[in-house]
Each structure stands twice: as C-alpha cells, then as structure tokens.
Amino acid sequence: MLKLDVARSSDEELADAVAERCSSLGAVGKVTVYSARGGTPARPFAIVAMGTREAAESVCARFGGRTVGSAVIVFLEQLAETIPAIGAGMRAIPDNVVSIEKAVRP
C-alpha cells in the first residue's frame, strides 16, 4: 500500500508519484489511478504497467497489491496528517481535531 496525499492531489499528480516510487524497481510503462472522487466511496488504487513481470513482482513485494502479468494493482492510502510540535511553525488544525481552546468545558 502506498501512502500519498490522495485527498489533495489530482489523479495526474498521484500517477506521477506512484510512477516515481515504482521506477526504482524497474521500468514503468504507464500508471492509471482510480480514486472514485465523485461516486461511491471506494478504496483508491493504481494500475501500474511495469516493463517486466519480475519488476511487477518486485513492486508487489514492496507495496502489496496484486500482479496481473507485468501489471500491478497497488492500493493507495491517505497520508496521515501530522500536527507539529509547539513552536515548530504551527499550521491550521484539521477539522477532525478539537483544540483545547475549542473544547466545551462543563
């Protein structure tokens, strides 16, 4: 499984990132990303066409998934948000995290 910023990346950016990660294991022919952004919630994945079956098996061994000939189906996972340490250039806190200032106190 590849951890990428699926939520904030276009399919083209995801395809480029997948190709970059897989290229160290062999020649990458084509990457097609299926993220199902507008439809039914689904698990995003990429089909990676490698130059050889051996390269496809190497990608599968490193990132998981399934091989079909010289192609690999690799599942994508959202890269976890990290909250920086205090004083390390604070960013906006994600909506699903409640800061102490926002917490309702009895």
N, C-alpha and C. Protein backbone atom coordinates (compact mmCIF):
# COMPACT_ATOMS: atom_id res chain seq x y z
N MET A 1 0.85 -1.16 0.00
CA MET A 1 0.00 0.00 0.00
C MET A 1 0.90 1.23 0.00
N LEU A 2 0.56 2.16 -0.86
CA LEU A 2 1.31 3.41 -0.94
C LEU A 2 0.56 4.50 -0.20
N LYS A 3 1.25 5.20 0.67
CA LYS A 3 0.64 6.32 1.40
C LYS A 3 1.01 7.62 0.68
N LEU A 4 -0.04 8.26 0.18
CA LEU A 4 0.11 9.52 -0.55
C LEU A 4 -0.97 10.48 -0.09
N ASP A 5 -0.84 11.75 -0.47
CA ASP A 5 -1.86 12.73 -0.14
C ASP A 5 -2.98 12.64 -1.18
N VAL A 6 -3.80 11.60 -1.06
CA VAL A 6 -4.87 11.31 -2.02
C VAL A 6 -5.89 12.44 -2.03
N ALA A 7 -6.24 12.97 -0.88
CA ALA A 7 -7.31 13.97 -0.77
C ALA A 7 -6.96 15.29 -1.47
N ARG A 8 -5.70 15.69 -1.47
CA ARG A 8 -5.32 16.99 -2.03
C ARG A 8 -4.51 16.90 -3.32
N SER A 9 -4.46 15.72 -3.93
CA SER A 9 -3.70 15.57 -5.16
C SER A 9 -4.63 15.17 -6.30
N SER A 10 -4.32 15.67 -7.48
CA SER A 10 -5.10 15.27 -8.66
C SER A 10 -4.68 13.84 -9.04
N ASP A 11 -5.48 13.22 -9.90
CA ASP A 11 -5.14 11.88 -10.36
C ASP A 11 -3.80 11.89 -11.10
N GLU A 12 -3.52 12.95 -11.84
CA GLU A 12 -2.25 13.05 -12.57
C GLU A 12 -1.07 13.15 -11.60
N GLU A 13 -1.23 13.94 -10.54
CA GLU A 13 -0.16 14.05 -9.53
C GLU A 13 0.06 12.72 -8.82
N LEU A 14 -1.04 12.02 -8.53
CA LEU A 14 -0.92 10.71 -7.89
C LEU A 14 -0.21 9.73 -8.82
N ALA A 15 -0.57 9.75 -10.11
CA ALA A 15 0.07 8.85 -11.08
C ALA A 15 1.57 9.12 -11.16
N ASP A 16 1.95 10.40 -11.15
CA ASP A 16 3.38 10.76 -11.18
C ASP A 16 4.09 10.26 -9.92
N ALA A 17 3.46 10.41 -8.77
CA ALA A 17 4.07 9.97 -7.51
C ALA A 17 4.21 8.45 -7.47
N VAL A 18 3.21 7.73 -7.95
CA VAL A 18 3.28 6.27 -7.99
C VAL A 18 4.39 5.83 -8.94
N ALA A 19 4.45 6.44 -10.12
CA ALA A 19 5.49 6.10 -11.09
C ALA A 19 6.88 6.34 -10.52
N GLU A 20 7.05 7.44 -9.80
CA GLU A 20 8.34 7.77 -9.19
C GLU A 20 8.75 6.71 -8.18
N ARG A 21 7.82 6.30 -7.33
CA ARG A 21 8.12 5.29 -6.31
C ARG A 21 8.44 3.93 -6.93
N CYS A 22 7.72 3.58 -7.99
CA CYS A 22 7.89 2.25 -8.61
C CYS A 22 9.09 2.19 -9.55
N SER A 23 9.56 3.34 -10.05
CA SER A 23 10.64 3.34 -11.03
C SER A 23 11.96 2.82 -10.47
N SER A 24 12.12 2.84 -9.16
CA SER A 24 13.35 2.30 -8.58
C SER A 24 13.39 0.77 -8.65
N LEU A 25 12.25 0.16 -8.98
CA LEU A 25 12.15 -1.30 -9.05
C LEU A 25 12.10 -1.83 -10.47
N GLY A 26 12.10 -0.95 -11.45
CA GLY A 26 12.06 -1.35 -12.85
C GLY A 26 11.42 -0.29 -13.71
N ALA A 27 11.42 -0.53 -15.02
CA ALA A 27 10.84 0.43 -15.96
C ALA A 27 9.32 0.48 -15.81
N VAL A 28 8.79 1.68 -15.68
CA VAL A 28 7.34 1.88 -15.56
C VAL A 28 6.81 2.29 -16.92
N GLY A 29 5.84 1.53 -17.43
CA GLY A 29 5.25 1.86 -18.73
C GLY A 29 4.14 2.89 -18.61
N LYS A 30 3.18 2.63 -17.73
CA LYS A 30 2.02 3.52 -17.58
C LYS A 30 1.42 3.33 -16.20
N VAL A 31 0.89 4.41 -15.64
CA VAL A 31 0.18 4.35 -14.36
C VAL A 31 -1.20 4.97 -14.56
N THR A 32 -2.22 4.23 -14.15
CA THR A 32 -3.60 4.72 -14.20
C THR A 32 -4.15 4.70 -12.79
N VAL A 33 -4.65 5.84 -12.32
CA VAL A 33 -5.17 5.97 -10.96
C VAL A 33 -6.70 5.97 -11.00
N TYR A 34 -7.30 5.23 -10.08
CA TYR A 34 -8.75 5.19 -9.90
C TYR A 34 -9.03 5.64 -8.47
N SER A 35 -9.52 6.88 -8.33
CA SER A 35 -9.73 7.41 -6.99
C SER A 35 -11.20 7.55 -6.62
N ALA A 36 -12.12 7.41 -7.56
CA ALA A 36 -13.57 7.46 -7.31
C ALA A 36 -13.95 8.67 -6.46
N ARG A 37 -13.53 9.85 -6.87
CA ARG A 37 -13.77 11.06 -6.08
C ARG A 37 -15.24 11.47 -6.08
N GLY A 38 -15.93 11.32 -7.18
CA GLY A 38 -17.29 11.82 -7.27
C GLY A 38 -18.36 10.78 -7.04
N GLY A 39 -18.00 9.53 -7.00
CA GLY A 39 -19.00 8.49 -6.90
C GLY A 39 -19.03 7.83 -5.54
N THR A 40 -19.41 6.59 -5.56
CA THR A 40 -19.49 5.80 -4.34
C THR A 40 -18.13 5.73 -3.67
N PRO A 41 -18.08 5.88 -2.36
CA PRO A 41 -16.80 5.77 -1.68
C PRO A 41 -16.15 4.42 -1.99
N ALA A 42 -14.93 4.48 -2.43
CA ALA A 42 -14.20 3.27 -2.79
C ALA A 42 -12.75 3.41 -2.36
N ARG A 43 -12.08 2.33 -2.32
CA ARG A 43 -10.67 2.33 -1.97
C ARG A 43 -9.86 2.74 -3.20
N PRO A 44 -9.12 3.84 -3.14
CA PRO A 44 -8.36 4.27 -4.31
C PRO A 44 -7.23 3.30 -4.61
N PHE A 45 -6.95 3.13 -5.91
CA PHE A 45 -5.87 2.24 -6.32
C PHE A 45 -5.27 2.72 -7.63
N ALA A 46 -4.12 2.15 -7.96
CA ALA A 46 -3.46 2.45 -9.23
C ALA A 46 -3.10 1.15 -9.91
N ILE A 47 -3.22 1.15 -11.22
CA ILE A 47 -2.72 0.03 -12.02
C ILE A 47 -1.42 0.50 -12.63
N VAL A 48 -0.34 -0.23 -12.31
CA VAL A 48 0.99 0.15 -12.75
C VAL A 48 1.49 -0.90 -13.74
N ALA A 49 1.68 -0.48 -14.99
CA ALA A 49 2.21 -1.38 -16.02
C ALA A 49 3.74 -1.28 -15.96
N MET A 50 4.37 -2.37 -15.58
CA MET A 50 5.83 -2.42 -15.48
C MET A 50 6.41 -3.03 -16.76
N GLY A 51 7.71 -2.85 -16.96
CA GLY A 51 8.37 -3.37 -18.15
C GLY A 51 8.46 -4.88 -18.19
N THR A 52 8.60 -5.52 -17.03
CA THR A 52 8.72 -6.98 -16.96
C THR A 52 7.87 -7.53 -15.82
N ARG A 53 7.60 -8.81 -15.91
CA ARG A 53 6.86 -9.49 -14.84
C ARG A 53 7.66 -9.46 -13.53
N GLU A 54 8.97 -9.60 -13.63
CA GLU A 54 9.83 -9.57 -12.44
C GLU A 54 9.75 -8.22 -11.74
N ALA A 55 9.75 -7.14 -12.52
CA ALA A 55 9.62 -5.80 -11.94
C ALA A 55 8.26 -5.65 -11.27
N ALA A 56 7.22 -6.19 -11.89
CA ALA A 56 5.88 -6.14 -11.30
C ALA A 56 5.85 -6.89 -9.97
N GLU A 57 6.51 -8.04 -9.91
CA GLU A 57 6.55 -8.81 -8.67
C GLU A 57 7.34 -8.06 -7.58
N SER A 58 8.38 -7.32 -7.99
CA SER A 58 9.13 -6.51 -7.02
C SER A 58 8.28 -5.39 -6.45
N VAL A 59 7.49 -4.73 -7.30
CA VAL A 59 6.58 -3.67 -6.84
C VAL A 59 5.55 -4.26 -5.89
N CYS A 60 5.01 -5.42 -6.24
CA CYS A 60 4.02 -6.08 -5.40
C CYS A 60 4.61 -6.46 -4.05
N ALA A 61 5.85 -6.93 -4.05
CA ALA A 61 6.51 -7.30 -2.80
C ALA A 61 6.74 -6.09 -1.91
N ARG A 62 7.06 -4.94 -2.50
CA ARG A 62 7.34 -3.74 -1.72
C ARG A 62 6.08 -3.04 -1.24
N PHE A 63 5.08 -2.90 -2.12
CA PHE A 63 3.90 -2.09 -1.80
C PHE A 63 2.62 -2.90 -1.61
N GLY A 64 2.70 -4.20 -1.77
CA GLY A 64 1.49 -5.01 -1.66
C GLY A 64 0.67 -4.93 -2.93
N GLY A 65 -0.49 -5.49 -2.92
CA GLY A 65 -1.35 -5.46 -4.09
C GLY A 65 -1.40 -6.80 -4.78
N ARG A 66 -1.71 -6.78 -6.06
CA ARG A 66 -1.85 -7.99 -6.86
C ARG A 66 -1.17 -7.79 -8.20
N THR A 67 -0.56 -8.83 -8.72
CA THR A 67 0.02 -8.76 -10.05
C THR A 67 -0.89 -9.44 -11.07
N VAL A 68 -0.89 -8.89 -12.27
CA VAL A 68 -1.59 -9.47 -13.41
C VAL A 68 -0.61 -9.35 -14.58
N GLY A 69 0.11 -10.43 -14.85
CA GLY A 69 1.15 -10.36 -15.87
C GLY A 69 2.24 -9.40 -15.43
N SER A 70 2.51 -8.37 -16.25
CA SER A 70 3.53 -7.40 -15.88
C SER A 70 2.92 -6.12 -15.30
N ALA A 71 1.67 -6.20 -14.88
CA ALA A 71 1.00 -5.06 -14.25
C ALA A 71 0.74 -5.36 -12.77
N VAL A 72 0.62 -4.30 -11.99
CA VAL A 72 0.39 -4.43 -10.55
C VAL A 72 -0.79 -3.53 -10.18
N ILE A 73 -1.66 -4.04 -9.33
CA ILE A 73 -2.71 -3.22 -8.73
C ILE A 73 -2.20 -2.86 -7.35
N VAL A 74 -1.98 -1.57 -7.13
CA VAL A 74 -1.44 -1.07 -5.86
C VAL A 74 -2.51 -0.20 -5.20
N PHE A 75 -2.87 -0.51 -3.97
CA PHE A 75 -3.86 0.28 -3.25
C PHE A 75 -3.18 1.52 -2.66
N LEU A 76 -3.92 2.63 -2.66
CA LEU A 76 -3.43 3.91 -2.15
C LEU A 76 -4.13 4.22 -0.84
N GLU A 77 -3.39 4.82 0.06
CA GLU A 77 -3.93 5.20 1.36
C GLU A 77 -3.60 6.65 1.63
N GLN A 78 -4.51 7.35 2.28
CA GLN A 78 -4.29 8.75 2.62
C GLN A 78 -3.13 8.87 3.59
N LEU A 79 -2.20 9.72 3.28
CA LEU A 79 -1.08 10.03 4.16
C LEU A 79 -1.62 10.69 5.40
N ALA A 80 -1.23 10.22 6.57
CA ALA A 80 -1.74 10.76 7.84
C ALA A 80 -1.31 12.20 8.03
N GLU A 81 -2.22 12.99 8.54
CA GLU A 81 -1.91 14.39 8.90
C GLU A 81 -1.06 14.37 10.16
N THR A 82 -0.08 15.20 10.22
CA THR A 82 0.71 15.29 11.44
C THR A 82 0.55 16.69 12.02
N ILE A 83 0.49 16.77 13.31
CA ILE A 83 0.39 18.06 13.99
C ILE A 83 1.78 18.37 14.53
N PRO A 84 2.38 19.49 14.12
CA PRO A 84 3.74 19.80 14.53
C PRO A 84 3.84 20.10 16.02
N ALA A 85 5.04 19.96 16.53
CA ALA A 85 5.30 20.27 17.94
C ALA A 85 5.09 21.76 18.17
N ILE A 86 4.81 22.14 19.41
CA ILE A 86 4.59 23.54 19.76
C ILE A 86 5.83 24.34 19.39
N GLY A 87 5.61 25.46 18.70
CA GLY A 87 6.72 26.33 18.32
C GLY A 87 7.39 25.91 17.02
N ALA A 88 6.94 24.88 16.36
CA ALA A 88 7.57 24.42 15.13
C ALA A 88 6.82 24.93 13.90
N GLY A 89 6.36 26.17 13.95
CA GLY A 89 5.62 26.72 12.81
C GLY A 89 4.23 26.12 12.70
N MET A 90 3.37 26.44 13.64
CA MET A 90 2.04 25.83 13.73
C MET A 90 1.24 26.06 12.46
N ARG A 91 0.53 25.01 12.01
CA ARG A 91 -0.39 25.09 10.89
C ARG A 91 -1.81 25.05 11.43
N ALA A 92 -2.76 25.21 10.54
CA ALA A 92 -4.16 25.08 10.94
C ALA A 92 -4.41 23.65 11.40
N ILE A 93 -5.18 23.51 12.44
CA ILE A 93 -5.50 22.19 12.97
C ILE A 93 -6.61 21.59 12.11
N PRO A 94 -6.46 20.33 11.68
CA PRO A 94 -7.50 19.71 10.86
C PRO A 94 -8.86 19.77 11.54
N ASP A 95 -9.94 19.78 10.73
CA ASP A 95 -11.31 19.90 11.25
C ASP A 95 -11.70 18.76 12.18
N ASN A 96 -11.09 17.59 12.03
CA ASN A 96 -11.48 16.46 12.86
C ASN A 96 -10.72 16.41 14.19
N VAL A 97 -9.96 17.45 14.49
CA VAL A 97 -9.23 17.53 15.76
C VAL A 97 -9.75 18.74 16.53
N VAL A 98 -10.06 18.56 17.79
CA VAL A 98 -10.55 19.66 18.62
C VAL A 98 -9.40 20.16 19.48
N SER A 99 -9.09 21.43 19.33
CA SER A 99 -8.02 22.00 20.15
C SER A 99 -8.57 22.32 21.55
N ILE A 100 -7.70 22.57 22.48
CA ILE A 100 -8.12 22.86 23.86
C ILE A 100 -8.98 24.12 23.89
N GLU A 101 -8.66 25.10 23.04
CA GLU A 101 -9.43 26.34 23.03
C GLU A 101 -10.86 26.11 22.55
N LYS A 102 -11.08 25.13 21.67
CA LYS A 102 -12.41 24.87 21.13
C LYS A 102 -13.23 23.91 21.99
N ALA A 103 -12.59 23.24 22.91
CA ALA A 103 -13.27 22.22 23.68
C ALA A 103 -14.35 22.84 24.58
N VAL A 104 -15.48 22.17 24.65
CA VAL A 104 -16.57 22.63 25.50
C VAL A 104 -16.29 22.11 26.91
N ARG A 105 -16.28 23.04 27.85
CA ARG A 105 -15.99 22.67 29.23
C ARG A 105 -17.27 22.76 30.05
N PRO A 106 -17.47 21.82 30.98
CA PRO A 106 -18.69 21.85 31.80
C PRO A 106 -18.72 23.02 32.75
